Protein backbone atom coordinates (compact mmCIF):
# COMPACT_ATOMS: atom_id res chain seq x y z
CA MET A 1 1.11 -9.10 12.44
CA SER A 2 3.74 -8.86 15.19
CA LYS A 3 1.82 -6.56 17.38
CA LYS A 4 -1.35 -8.11 18.76
CA ALA A 5 -4.42 -5.95 18.87
CA ASP A 6 -5.14 -4.74 22.44
CA PHE A 7 -8.63 -5.03 23.85
CA LYS A 8 -8.18 -2.13 26.26
CA GLU A 9 -6.40 0.00 23.68
CA LEU A 10 -9.43 -0.30 21.44
CA LEU A 11 -11.78 0.28 24.10
CA ASP A 12 -10.07 3.47 25.18
CA ALA A 13 -10.13 4.68 21.67
CA GLY A 14 -14.00 4.18 21.58
CA VAL A 15 -13.70 1.53 18.71
CA HIS A 16 -16.73 -0.21 20.12
CA PHE A 17 -19.15 2.72 19.81
CA GLY A 18 -21.80 2.06 16.97
CA HIS A 19 -24.72 4.07 15.67
CA LEU A 20 -28.19 4.48 16.96
CA LYS A 21 -30.16 1.41 16.93
CA ARG A 22 -32.68 2.78 14.49
CA LYS A 23 -29.77 3.34 11.88
CA TRP A 24 -28.36 -0.20 12.08
CA ASN A 25 -27.78 -2.57 9.11
CA PRO A 26 -29.12 -6.09 10.13
CA ALA A 27 -26.08 -7.71 8.38
CA MET A 28 -23.95 -6.30 11.20
CA ALA A 29 -25.90 -8.37 13.84
CA PRO A 30 -22.96 -10.95 14.15
CA TYR A 31 -20.66 -8.14 15.30
CA ILE A 32 -22.90 -6.33 17.67
CA PHE A 33 -22.28 -7.23 21.41
CA ASP A 34 -25.02 -5.05 23.12
CA GLU A 35 -27.22 -2.17 23.04
CA GLN A 36 -26.88 0.76 25.45
CA LYS A 37 -29.18 3.75 25.67
CA GLY A 38 -30.36 3.07 22.18
CA ILE A 39 -26.71 2.81 20.66
CA HIS A 40 -25.28 -0.38 19.49
CA VAL A 41 -21.95 -1.64 21.06
CA ILE A 42 -19.51 -3.53 18.76
CA ASP A 43 -18.11 -6.81 20.07
CA LEU A 44 -14.35 -5.97 20.27
CA ASN A 45 -13.31 -9.48 20.30
CA LYS A 46 -14.81 -9.71 16.87
CA THR A 47 -13.03 -6.49 15.79
CA ILE A 48 -9.71 -8.02 17.09
CA ALA A 49 -10.14 -11.19 15.12
CA HIS A 50 -10.93 -9.33 11.95
CA LEU A 51 -8.38 -6.70 12.32
CA GLU A 52 -5.68 -9.13 12.65
CA GLN A 53 -6.94 -11.20 9.70
CA ALA A 54 -6.87 -8.05 7.47
CA CYS A 55 -3.57 -7.03 8.84
CA LEU A 56 -2.12 -10.39 7.85
CA ALA A 57 -3.48 -10.04 4.39
CA MET A 58 -2.35 -6.58 3.83
CA LYS A 59 1.20 -7.44 5.03
CA GLN A 60 1.40 -10.13 2.37
CA ILE A 61 0.24 -7.83 -0.28
CA ALA A 62 2.83 -5.31 0.63
CA LYS A 63 5.48 -8.11 0.93
CA SER A 64 4.59 -9.05 -2.78
CA GLY A 65 5.46 -5.40 -3.78
CA LYS A 66 1.88 -4.58 -4.75
CA LYS A 67 0.09 -1.30 -3.82
CA ILE A 68 -2.92 -0.86 -1.42
CA LEU A 69 -4.88 2.38 -2.00
CA PHE A 70 -6.51 3.97 1.14
CA VAL A 71 -9.58 6.04 0.89
CA ALA A 72 -10.97 8.56 3.59
CA THR A 73 -12.55 11.63 2.51
CA LYS A 74 -14.62 12.45 5.72
CA LYS A 75 -13.25 15.25 7.75
CA GLN A 76 -12.39 13.64 10.80
CA ALA A 77 -10.49 10.78 9.20
CA LYS A 78 -8.63 12.34 6.15
CA GLN A 79 -5.66 13.94 7.92
CA ILE A 80 -5.13 10.88 10.11
CA VAL A 81 -5.08 8.48 7.10
CA ALA A 82 -2.93 10.82 4.95
CA ASP A 83 -0.12 11.23 7.62
CA ARG A 84 0.07 7.38 8.37
CA VAL A 85 -0.18 6.31 4.75
CA LYS A 86 2.52 8.80 3.54
CA ALA A 87 4.97 7.22 6.03
CA ILE A 88 4.58 3.81 4.36
CA ASN A 89 4.68 5.33 0.69
CA MET A 90 1.23 3.96 -0.26
CA PRO A 91 -1.30 5.88 -2.42
CA TYR A 92 -4.28 7.55 -0.89
CA VAL A 93 -7.26 9.62 -1.55
CA THR A 94 -8.51 11.98 0.99
CA GLU A 95 -10.25 14.63 -1.21
CA ARG A 96 -13.27 14.11 -3.34
CA TRP A 97 -13.28 10.66 -5.08
CA THR A 98 -13.24 11.15 -8.73
CA GLY A 99 -15.88 8.79 -10.50
CA GLY A 100 -13.90 6.33 -12.54
CA MET A 101 -10.64 6.66 -10.77
CA LEU A 102 -10.22 2.87 -10.95
CA THR A 103 -12.85 1.75 -13.60
CA ASN A 104 -11.41 4.42 -15.97
CA PHE A 105 -7.74 4.22 -14.96
CA ALA A 106 -6.23 5.33 -18.21
CA THR A 107 -7.94 8.70 -17.72
CA THR A 108 -6.71 8.85 -14.18
CA ARG A 109 -3.12 8.27 -15.48
CA LYS A 110 -3.68 10.99 -18.09
CA SER A 111 -4.42 13.35 -15.29
CA VAL A 112 -1.29 12.51 -13.51
CA ARG A 113 0.88 12.79 -16.82
CA LYS A 114 -0.74 16.33 -17.22
CA MET A 115 0.67 17.38 -13.91
CA ALA A 116 4.11 16.01 -15.03
CA THR A 117 3.87 18.04 -18.28
CA ILE A 118 3.23 21.30 -16.47
CA ASP A 119 5.95 20.73 -14.06
CA LYS A 120 8.32 20.08 -17.12
CA MET A 121 7.18 23.45 -18.70
CA GLN A 122 8.25 25.37 -15.65
CA SER A 123 11.89 23.79 -15.67
CA ASP A 124 12.48 23.69 -19.46
CA GLY A 125 11.88 27.37 -20.04
CA THR A 126 8.49 26.87 -21.82
CA TRP A 127 6.83 28.63 -18.86
CA ASP A 128 8.71 31.90 -19.59
CA THR A 129 7.09 32.17 -23.06
CA LEU A 130 3.49 32.13 -21.62
CA SER A 131 1.36 35.12 -21.01
CA LYS A 132 0.42 36.09 -17.63
CA ARG A 133 -3.30 34.87 -18.14
CA GLU A 134 -2.06 31.55 -19.45
CA LYS A 135 0.24 31.10 -16.38
CA LEU A 136 -2.66 31.73 -14.05
CA PHE A 137 -4.90 29.25 -15.80
CA ILE A 138 -2.29 26.57 -15.93
CA THR A 139 -1.34 27.20 -12.18
CA ARG A 140 -4.99 26.74 -11.12
CA GLN A 141 -5.25 23.58 -13.25
CA ARG A 142 -2.17 22.31 -11.69
CA GLU A 143 -3.48 22.95 -8.21
CA LYS A 144 -6.70 21.24 -9.04
CA LEU A 145 -4.97 18.29 -10.35
CA GLU A 146 -2.64 17.94 -7.29
CA LYS A 147 -5.60 18.15 -5.01
CA ASN A 148 -7.30 15.29 -6.60
CA PHE A 149 -4.51 13.14 -7.97
CA GLY A 150 -1.24 14.21 -6.40
CA SER A 151 -1.46 11.42 -3.62
CA ILE A 152 -1.85 8.82 -6.18
CA ALA A 153 0.72 9.98 -8.59
CA ASP A 154 3.04 7.13 -7.96
CA MET A 155 0.25 4.58 -8.58
CA THR A 156 1.22 3.44 -12.04
CA ARG A 157 -1.15 0.61 -12.24
CA GLN A 158 -4.40 -0.25 -10.49
CA PRO A 159 -3.76 -1.29 -6.76
CA ALA A 160 -4.08 -4.95 -5.61
CA ALA A 161 -6.30 -3.79 -2.65
CA ILE A 162 -8.31 -0.74 -1.37
CA PHE A 163 -8.75 0.17 2.27
CA ILE A 164 -11.74 2.20 3.06
CA VAL A 165 -12.91 4.30 6.06
CA ASP A 166 -16.62 4.36 6.02
CA VAL A 167 -18.15 2.36 3.23
CA MET A 168 -21.32 4.28 3.39
CA LYS A 169 -19.60 7.50 2.42
CA GLU A 170 -17.19 5.93 0.04
CA ASN A 171 -19.64 3.63 -1.81
CA ILE A 172 -18.61 4.62 -5.32
CA ALA A 173 -14.89 3.63 -4.56
CA LEU A 174 -16.27 0.36 -3.16
CA LYS A 175 -18.33 -0.36 -6.20
CA GLU A 176 -15.47 0.36 -8.62
CA ALA A 177 -13.18 -1.96 -6.60
CA TYR A 178 -15.71 -4.62 -6.70
CA ARG A 179 -16.35 -4.22 -10.30
CA LEU A 180 -12.64 -4.73 -11.09
CA GLY A 181 -12.08 -7.63 -8.55
CA ILE A 182 -9.77 -5.64 -6.36
CA SER A 183 -9.66 -6.78 -2.74
CA THR A 184 -11.44 -4.58 -0.31
CA PHE A 185 -10.66 -3.70 3.30
CA ALA A 186 -12.60 -1.48 5.43
CA MET A 187 -13.80 -0.08 8.78
CA VAL A 188 -17.43 -1.04 8.94
CA ASP A 189 -19.71 0.53 11.34
CA THR A 190 -23.09 -0.74 12.68
CA ASN A 191 -24.91 1.14 9.87
CA SER A 192 -23.04 -0.62 7.00
CA ASN A 193 -23.20 -3.95 5.17
CA PRO A 194 -19.99 -6.00 6.00
CA LYS A 195 -21.03 -8.46 3.32
CA LEU A 196 -20.03 -6.07 0.54
CA VAL A 197 -16.31 -6.10 1.84
CA ASP A 198 -13.73 -8.93 1.44
CA PHE A 199 -12.15 -8.06 4.97
CA PRO A 200 -14.46 -6.05 7.01
CA ILE A 201 -13.20 -4.59 10.44
CA PRO A 202 -16.15 -3.89 12.61
CA ALA A 203 -15.36 -0.67 14.21
CA ASN A 204 -16.48 2.90 14.93
CA ASP A 205 -15.46 4.82 11.66
CA ASP A 206 -16.80 8.30 12.98
CA ALA A 207 -14.52 8.96 15.90
CA SER A 208 -10.96 10.21 15.07
CA LYS A 209 -9.32 8.17 17.87
CA SER A 210 -11.09 5.05 16.61
CA VAL A 211 -9.85 5.67 13.00
CA ALA A 212 -6.32 6.47 14.28
CA ILE A 213 -5.91 3.25 16.18
CA ILE A 214 -7.03 0.94 13.49
CA MET A 215 -4.84 2.79 11.02
CA ASP A 216 -1.93 2.44 13.37
CA TYR A 217 -2.29 -1.40 13.45
CA VAL A 218 -2.91 -1.50 9.70
CA THR A 219 -0.09 0.58 8.54
CA ALA A 220 2.32 -1.25 11.08
CA ALA A 221 1.56 -4.59 9.34
CA ILE A 222 2.14 -3.08 5.91
CA GLN A 223 5.37 -1.63 7.19
CA GLU A 224 6.41 -5.07 8.43
CA GLY A 225 5.55 -6.62 4.99
CA LEU A 226 7.63 -3.82 3.15
CA GLU A 227 10.62 -4.55 5.45
CA GLU A 228 10.43 -8.25 4.95
CA ARG A 229 10.36 -7.70 1.13
CA LYS A 230 13.45 -5.48 1.55
CA ALA A 231 15.09 -8.00 3.67
CA ALA A 232 14.38 -10.82 1.21
CA LYS A 233 15.67 -8.76 -1.68
CA SER A 234 18.91 -7.91 0.37
CA LYS A 235 19.45 -11.52 0.93
CA GLN A 236 18.71 -12.47 -2.68
CA ASP A 237 21.17 -9.86 -3.88
CA ALA A 238 23.78 -11.13 -1.33
CA ASP A 239 23.34 -14.74 -2.55
CA LYS A 240 23.60 -13.71 -6.04
CA LYS A 241 26.71 -11.58 -5.46
CA ALA A 242 28.36 -14.58 -3.54
CA ALA A 243 27.52 -17.05 -6.18
CA GLU A 244 29.08 -14.76 -8.89
CA ALA A 245 32.28 -14.52 -6.74
CA LYS A 246 32.36 -18.35 -6.17
CA LYS A 247 31.92 -18.71 -10.01
CA LYS A 248 34.65 -16.30 -10.70
CA GLU A 249 36.95 -18.03 -8.04
CA ALA A 250 36.29 -21.35 -9.87
CA LYS A 251 36.95 -19.96 -13.16
CA ALA A 252 40.17 -18.41 -11.95
CA ALA A 253 41.27 -21.82 -10.37
CA LYS A 254 40.50 -23.68 -13.66
CA LYS A 255 42.58 -21.14 -15.43
CA GLU A 256 45.41 -21.53 -12.95
CA GLU A 257 45.19 -25.35 -13.31
CA VAL A 258 45.31 -25.09 -17.06
CA LYS A 259 48.27 -22.96 -16.88
CA GLU A 260 50.15 -25.45 -14.37
CA THR A 261 49.36 -28.39 -16.74
CA LYS A 262 50.82 -26.54 -19.67
CA THR A 263 53.89 -25.75 -17.63
CA GLU A 264 54.27 -29.36 -16.70
CA ASP A 265 53.87 -30.46 -20.17
CA LYS A 266 56.61 -28.19 -21.37
CA SER A 267 58.80 -29.37 -18.66
CA GLU A 268 58.25 -33.00 -19.39
CA ALA A 269 58.89 -32.23 -23.20
CA LYS A 270 62.20 -30.45 -22.44
CA ALA A 271 63.30 -33.44 -20.25
CA ALA A 272 62.51 -35.79 -22.99
CA ASP A 273 64.49 -33.79 -25.63
CA LYS A 274 67.58 -33.76 -23.28
CA SER A 275 67.38 -37.64 -22.65
CA GLU A 276 67.45 -38.05 -26.48
């Protein structure tokens, strides 16, 4: 990632604050720096190292044109995640995680298509033929579908990776991703098991400022990957266009050469006739 994680910035955001010692998960021991007043303190140097590793991996995924699904349903994180992820056009879930959203993806897509069908009804005149009661029922159904699936409507296939804020709360999403072999990234607090995540980022997953700063780094890396993909495609298109133009020029030159040869042959033939 182009922007290096800043120690002081993470410190000011409270990324280092963990949970009470009695709530800790022993698997987090390598990432704990100290204990103060019964609260574990996360080693920010470890946070920086893992954050940069995760950002680099997510940048490459974005550059390849694949999707990363973000999951954060806890109150203090949902709006922060939604705002940042919308900006990079990635799918996200900030309401209740619907069981089977990934493992039963066909049903998930069916729900998304149902929304599209209702929208079509409202635009093709079908809506006007319905009774008031039917309209009310369908409107409520559409609102419920939008709440649960609207933010993943553009996710036409399973994501290449999933990013989770609080693996304890989003354990079902984590299990589904693991079962399908989907790469997992997550903010992992001192009460969680980092071994369950492919790319754990040791960090405070409860404070909004902590979630915001980590999301800023993550989305910036993804945006960088998207821009590099766009630039590469533009170059590829330009190279293709140049190659086609060159080919066209060569063809025109060849045609002109043949024309000149024929003209010369005719001139020589006429000269021969006159000499006879």
